[in-house]
């Protein structure tokens, strides 16, 4: 009787674990479906985005660098962002990325790329503490005082960025910057499913980003965000 009772208990525990796991998978996929459906209308073509009025800035989200060169994904984001700037979508670019270490600096690479493409330095702001999508958007609102923005990133990432922006109270639109295929995209797609679920709860809980700091209105001069001498 004792062994039989133990087996029944173990069986019930196993069933409970499997049921919870299945429920978790269902919740994650429901969040993904809802996030994509609720933000799709705000994904625009470059031409549609350029016709918007009173856009405070074009927010380009970081995507890794190789030394002083952007990765292919980041290069495409930068090219689309600069194109929108040249089309008159906004007169300010906000480069948000990871500059948490002295030897790793996404945002200066991003700004230098834009300057080399003819964008005046004063029109380019750098967010040195954009360590995640959530933090980039939180800081765009609270540090850079942006209210209406155009987000530039690849489409797979754009749904989450737009969802977070909306829940943070930003009037946000997105332009997808994926003119080519990227190595390892299947793995990114899988990770993004989990990231969407994480940020779904992040915007409910509302944690502060790693760093806040003094307000730097994006309407001003972008050179105030420079942290090294111009070469």
Protein backbone atom coordinates (compact mmCIF):
# COMPACT_ATOMS: atom_id res chain seq x y z
CA UNK A 1 0.00 0.00 0.00
CA UNK A 2 2.80 2.39 0.85
CA UNK A 3 4.53 1.93 -2.53
CA UNK A 4 1.23 2.28 -4.36
CA UNK A 5 0.46 5.50 -2.51
CA UNK A 6 3.90 6.91 -3.32
CA UNK A 7 3.46 6.05 -7.00
CA UNK A 8 0.11 7.85 -7.07
CA UNK A 9 1.67 10.92 -5.44
CA UNK A 10 4.54 10.97 -7.91
CA UNK A 11 2.11 10.53 -10.78
CA UNK A 12 0.02 13.48 -9.56
CA UNK A 13 3.15 15.63 -9.17
CA UNK A 14 4.27 14.73 -12.69
CA UNK A 15 0.83 15.55 -14.10
CA UNK A 16 0.86 18.89 -12.24
CA UNK A 17 4.32 19.78 -13.60
CA UNK A 18 3.34 18.87 -17.16
CA UNK A 19 0.07 20.81 -16.83
CA UNK A 20 1.86 23.90 -15.51
CA UNK A 21 4.41 23.64 -18.30
CA UNK A 22 1.68 23.34 -20.92
CA UNK A 23 -0.14 26.31 -19.38
CA UNK A 24 3.07 28.33 -19.47
CA UNK A 25 3.58 27.57 -23.16
CA UNK A 26 -0.03 28.56 -23.92
CA UNK A 27 0.37 31.83 -21.99
CA UNK A 28 3.61 32.68 -23.82
CA UNK A 29 2.07 32.05 -27.24
CA UNK A 30 -1.08 33.99 -26.34
CA UNK A 31 1.09 36.96 -25.28
CA UNK A 32 3.01 36.72 -28.55
CA UNK A 33 -0.15 36.67 -30.64
CA UNK A 34 -1.67 39.58 -28.74
CA UNK A 35 1.51 41.67 -28.88
CA UNK A 36 1.87 41.25 -32.64
CA UNK A 37 -1.81 41.86 -33.38
CA UNK A 38 -2.04 44.97 -31.19
CA UNK A 39 1.00 46.71 -32.69
CA UNK A 40 0.92 45.72 -36.36
CA UNK A 41 -1.09 48.80 -37.34
CA UNK A 42 1.74 51.05 -36.13
CA UNK A 43 4.36 49.50 -38.41
CA UNK A 44 4.68 51.89 -41.33
CA UNK A 45 6.61 52.19 -44.55
CA UNK A 46 9.35 54.81 -44.64
CA UNK A 47 7.12 57.02 -46.77
CA UNK A 48 4.21 56.75 -44.33
CA UNK A 49 6.50 57.49 -41.38
CA UNK A 50 7.96 60.53 -43.14
CA UNK A 51 4.46 61.98 -43.48
CA UNK A 52 3.84 62.00 -39.70
CA UNK A 53 3.72 65.35 -37.96
CA UNK A 54 5.58 66.54 -34.86
CA UNK A 55 7.81 63.50 -34.36
CA UNK A 56 10.27 64.25 -31.55
CA UNK A 57 12.92 61.81 -32.70
CA UNK A 58 13.82 58.72 -34.68
CA UNK A 59 14.91 56.11 -32.15
CA UNK A 60 17.49 53.65 -33.48
CA UNK A 61 17.95 50.67 -31.17
CA UNK A 62 21.40 49.14 -30.75
CA UNK A 63 22.23 45.72 -32.15
CA UNK A 64 25.89 45.06 -31.46
CA UNK A 65 29.18 46.30 -32.85
CA UNK A 66 32.41 44.74 -34.07
CA UNK A 67 35.01 47.07 -32.61
CA UNK A 68 34.29 50.40 -34.28
CA UNK A 69 31.94 48.92 -36.92
CA UNK A 70 28.22 48.18 -36.62
CA UNK A 71 26.98 44.63 -37.12
CA UNK A 72 24.94 44.01 -40.25
CA UNK A 73 21.70 44.32 -38.29
CA UNK A 74 22.76 47.59 -36.71
CA UNK A 75 24.06 48.94 -40.02
CA UNK A 76 20.63 48.38 -41.57
CA UNK A 77 18.90 50.07 -38.63
CA UNK A 78 21.21 53.05 -38.98
CA UNK A 79 20.69 53.32 -42.74
CA UNK A 80 16.91 53.27 -42.36
CA UNK A 81 17.04 55.78 -39.50
CA UNK A 82 19.26 58.15 -41.45
CA UNK A 83 17.03 57.77 -44.50
CA UNK A 84 14.01 58.79 -42.40
CA UNK A 85 15.95 61.77 -41.08
CA UNK A 86 16.80 62.82 -44.65
CA UNK A 87 13.15 62.37 -45.66
CA UNK A 88 12.12 64.85 -42.96
CA UNK A 89 10.43 62.38 -40.60
CA UNK A 90 12.16 64.13 -37.68
CA UNK A 91 15.15 66.43 -37.23
CA UNK A 92 16.57 64.39 -34.35
CA UNK A 93 18.13 60.93 -34.16
CA UNK A 94 18.36 59.14 -30.80
CA UNK A 95 20.94 56.33 -30.78
CA UNK A 96 20.21 54.01 -27.88
CA UNK A 97 22.51 51.14 -27.01
CA UNK A 98 24.93 49.49 -24.65
CA UNK A 99 27.88 51.56 -23.44
CA UNK A 100 28.15 49.93 -20.04
CA UNK A 101 31.83 49.08 -20.40
CA UNK A 102 34.80 51.16 -21.45
CA UNK A 103 35.79 48.68 -24.15
CA UNK A 104 32.29 48.18 -25.58
CA UNK A 105 30.51 51.18 -27.04
CA UNK A 106 27.54 50.86 -29.38
CA UNK A 107 26.33 54.45 -29.32
CA UNK A 108 29.51 56.26 -30.38
CA UNK A 109 29.83 53.82 -33.29
CA UNK A 110 26.22 54.61 -34.20
CA UNK A 111 26.72 58.36 -33.99
CA UNK A 112 29.96 58.25 -35.97
CA UNK A 113 28.22 56.23 -38.69
CA UNK A 114 25.46 58.87 -38.96
CA UNK A 115 27.98 61.75 -39.01
CA UNK A 116 29.85 60.01 -41.83
CA UNK A 117 26.55 59.88 -43.71
CA UNK A 118 26.19 63.64 -43.44
CA UNK A 119 23.99 64.06 -40.36
CA UNK A 120 25.09 67.02 -38.18
CA UNK A 121 26.45 65.94 -34.81
CA UNK A 122 24.11 68.35 -33.02
CA UNK A 123 21.09 66.44 -34.38
CA UNK A 124 22.30 63.10 -32.97
CA UNK A 125 21.68 62.17 -29.34
CA UNK A 126 23.27 59.17 -27.65
CA UNK A 127 21.64 57.14 -24.90
CA UNK A 128 24.62 55.40 -23.33
CA UNK A 129 22.43 53.29 -21.01
CA UNK A 130 20.03 51.67 -23.46
CA UNK A 131 20.79 48.20 -22.13
CA UNK A 132 17.49 46.67 -23.21
CA UNK A 133 14.45 47.52 -25.32
CA UNK A 134 12.47 48.37 -22.20
CA UNK A 135 15.22 50.60 -20.81
CA UNK A 136 15.75 52.39 -24.14
CA UNK A 137 12.08 53.32 -24.34
CA UNK A 138 11.76 54.22 -20.67
CA UNK A 139 14.75 56.55 -20.98
CA UNK A 140 13.51 57.99 -24.28
CA UNK A 141 10.43 59.10 -22.35
CA UNK A 142 11.92 60.16 -19.01
CA UNK A 143 15.46 61.32 -19.86
CA UNK A 144 15.06 62.61 -23.41
CA UNK A 145 11.46 63.79 -22.93
CA UNK A 146 10.27 62.27 -26.19
CA UNK A 147 6.53 61.90 -26.62
CA UNK A 148 6.09 60.95 -30.28
CA UNK A 149 8.73 58.71 -31.82
CA UNK A 150 9.56 56.51 -34.78
CA UNK A 151 11.35 53.31 -33.76
CA UNK A 152 13.75 51.69 -36.23
CA UNK A 153 14.65 48.03 -35.82
CA UNK A 154 14.06 44.69 -37.58
CA UNK A 155 10.43 43.60 -37.84
CA UNK A 156 10.75 40.62 -35.48
CA UNK A 157 11.88 43.05 -32.75
CA UNK A 158 9.57 45.90 -33.69
CA UNK A 159 6.39 44.35 -32.27
CA UNK A 160 7.84 44.24 -28.77
CA UNK A 161 9.39 47.70 -29.00
CA UNK A 162 6.08 49.21 -30.10
CA UNK A 163 4.15 47.35 -27.39
CA UNK A 164 6.50 48.54 -24.65
CA UNK A 165 6.42 52.10 -26.02
CA UNK A 166 2.62 52.14 -26.02
CA UNK A 167 2.39 50.84 -22.45
CA UNK A 168 4.89 53.50 -21.36
CA UNK A 169 2.60 56.17 -22.81
CA UNK A 170 4.62 57.01 -25.92
CA UNK A 171 2.98 57.76 -29.25
CA UNK A 172 5.15 55.36 -31.21
CA UNK A 173 5.39 54.17 -34.79
CA UNK A 174 7.85 51.75 -36.30
CA UNK A 175 9.76 51.20 -39.51
CA UNK A 176 11.15 47.72 -40.12
CA UNK A 177 14.78 47.67 -41.21
CA UNK A 178 15.34 44.20 -42.59
CA UNK A 179 16.33 44.45 -46.27
CA UNK A 180 18.30 41.18 -46.07
CA UNK A 181 18.52 37.84 -44.27
CA UNK A 182 20.67 37.61 -41.12
CA UNK A 183 22.73 34.69 -39.91
CA UNK A 184 21.22 33.12 -36.78
CA UNK A 185 17.78 34.64 -37.27
CA UNK A 186 15.96 31.42 -36.30
CA UNK A 187 17.59 31.53 -32.86
CA UNK A 188 16.68 35.21 -32.49
CA UNK A 189 13.07 34.46 -33.36
CA UNK A 190 12.89 31.85 -30.60
CA UNK A 191 14.51 34.16 -28.03
CA UNK A 192 12.17 36.96 -29.06
CA UNK A 193 9.14 34.85 -28.15
CA UNK A 194 10.43 34.66 -24.58
CA UNK A 195 11.52 38.32 -24.58
CA UNK A 196 8.00 39.40 -25.52
CA UNK A 197 6.59 37.48 -22.58
CA UNK A 198 9.19 39.05 -20.27
CA UNK A 199 8.42 42.60 -21.40
CA UNK A 200 4.68 41.95 -21.25
CA UNK A 201 5.10 41.60 -17.49
CA UNK A 202 7.83 44.26 -17.30
CA UNK A 203 5.42 46.99 -18.38
CA UNK A 204 2.91 45.81 -15.78
CA UNK A 205 5.47 45.83 -12.96
CA UNK A 206 7.18 48.99 -14.22
CA UNK A 207 10.76 48.64 -12.89
CA UNK A 208 13.05 51.64 -13.28
CA UNK A 209 15.93 51.25 -15.74
CA UNK A 210 19.49 50.62 -14.54
CA UNK A 211 20.25 54.34 -14.79
CA UNK A 212 18.13 57.45 -14.98
CA UNK A 213 19.87 60.77 -14.36
CA UNK A 214 19.41 64.34 -15.51
CA UNK A 215 16.88 65.23 -18.17
CA UNK A 216 18.35 65.83 -21.65
CA UNK A 217 15.52 67.10 -23.89
CA UNK A 218 15.83 65.66 -27.38
CA UNK A 219 14.69 69.03 -28.70
CA UNK A 220 18.08 70.50 -27.76
CA UNK A 221 21.63 69.94 -28.95
CA UNK A 222 22.75 66.33 -29.30
CA UNK A 223 26.36 67.19 -28.56
CA UNK A 224 25.46 67.40 -24.88
CA UNK A 225 25.47 63.59 -24.91
CA UNK A 226 29.02 63.38 -26.30
CA UNK A 227 31.44 61.71 -23.90
CA UNK A 228 34.67 62.01 -25.84
CA UNK A 229 36.47 64.65 -27.87
CA UNK A 230 35.65 64.92 -31.54
CA UNK A 231 38.40 63.62 -33.74
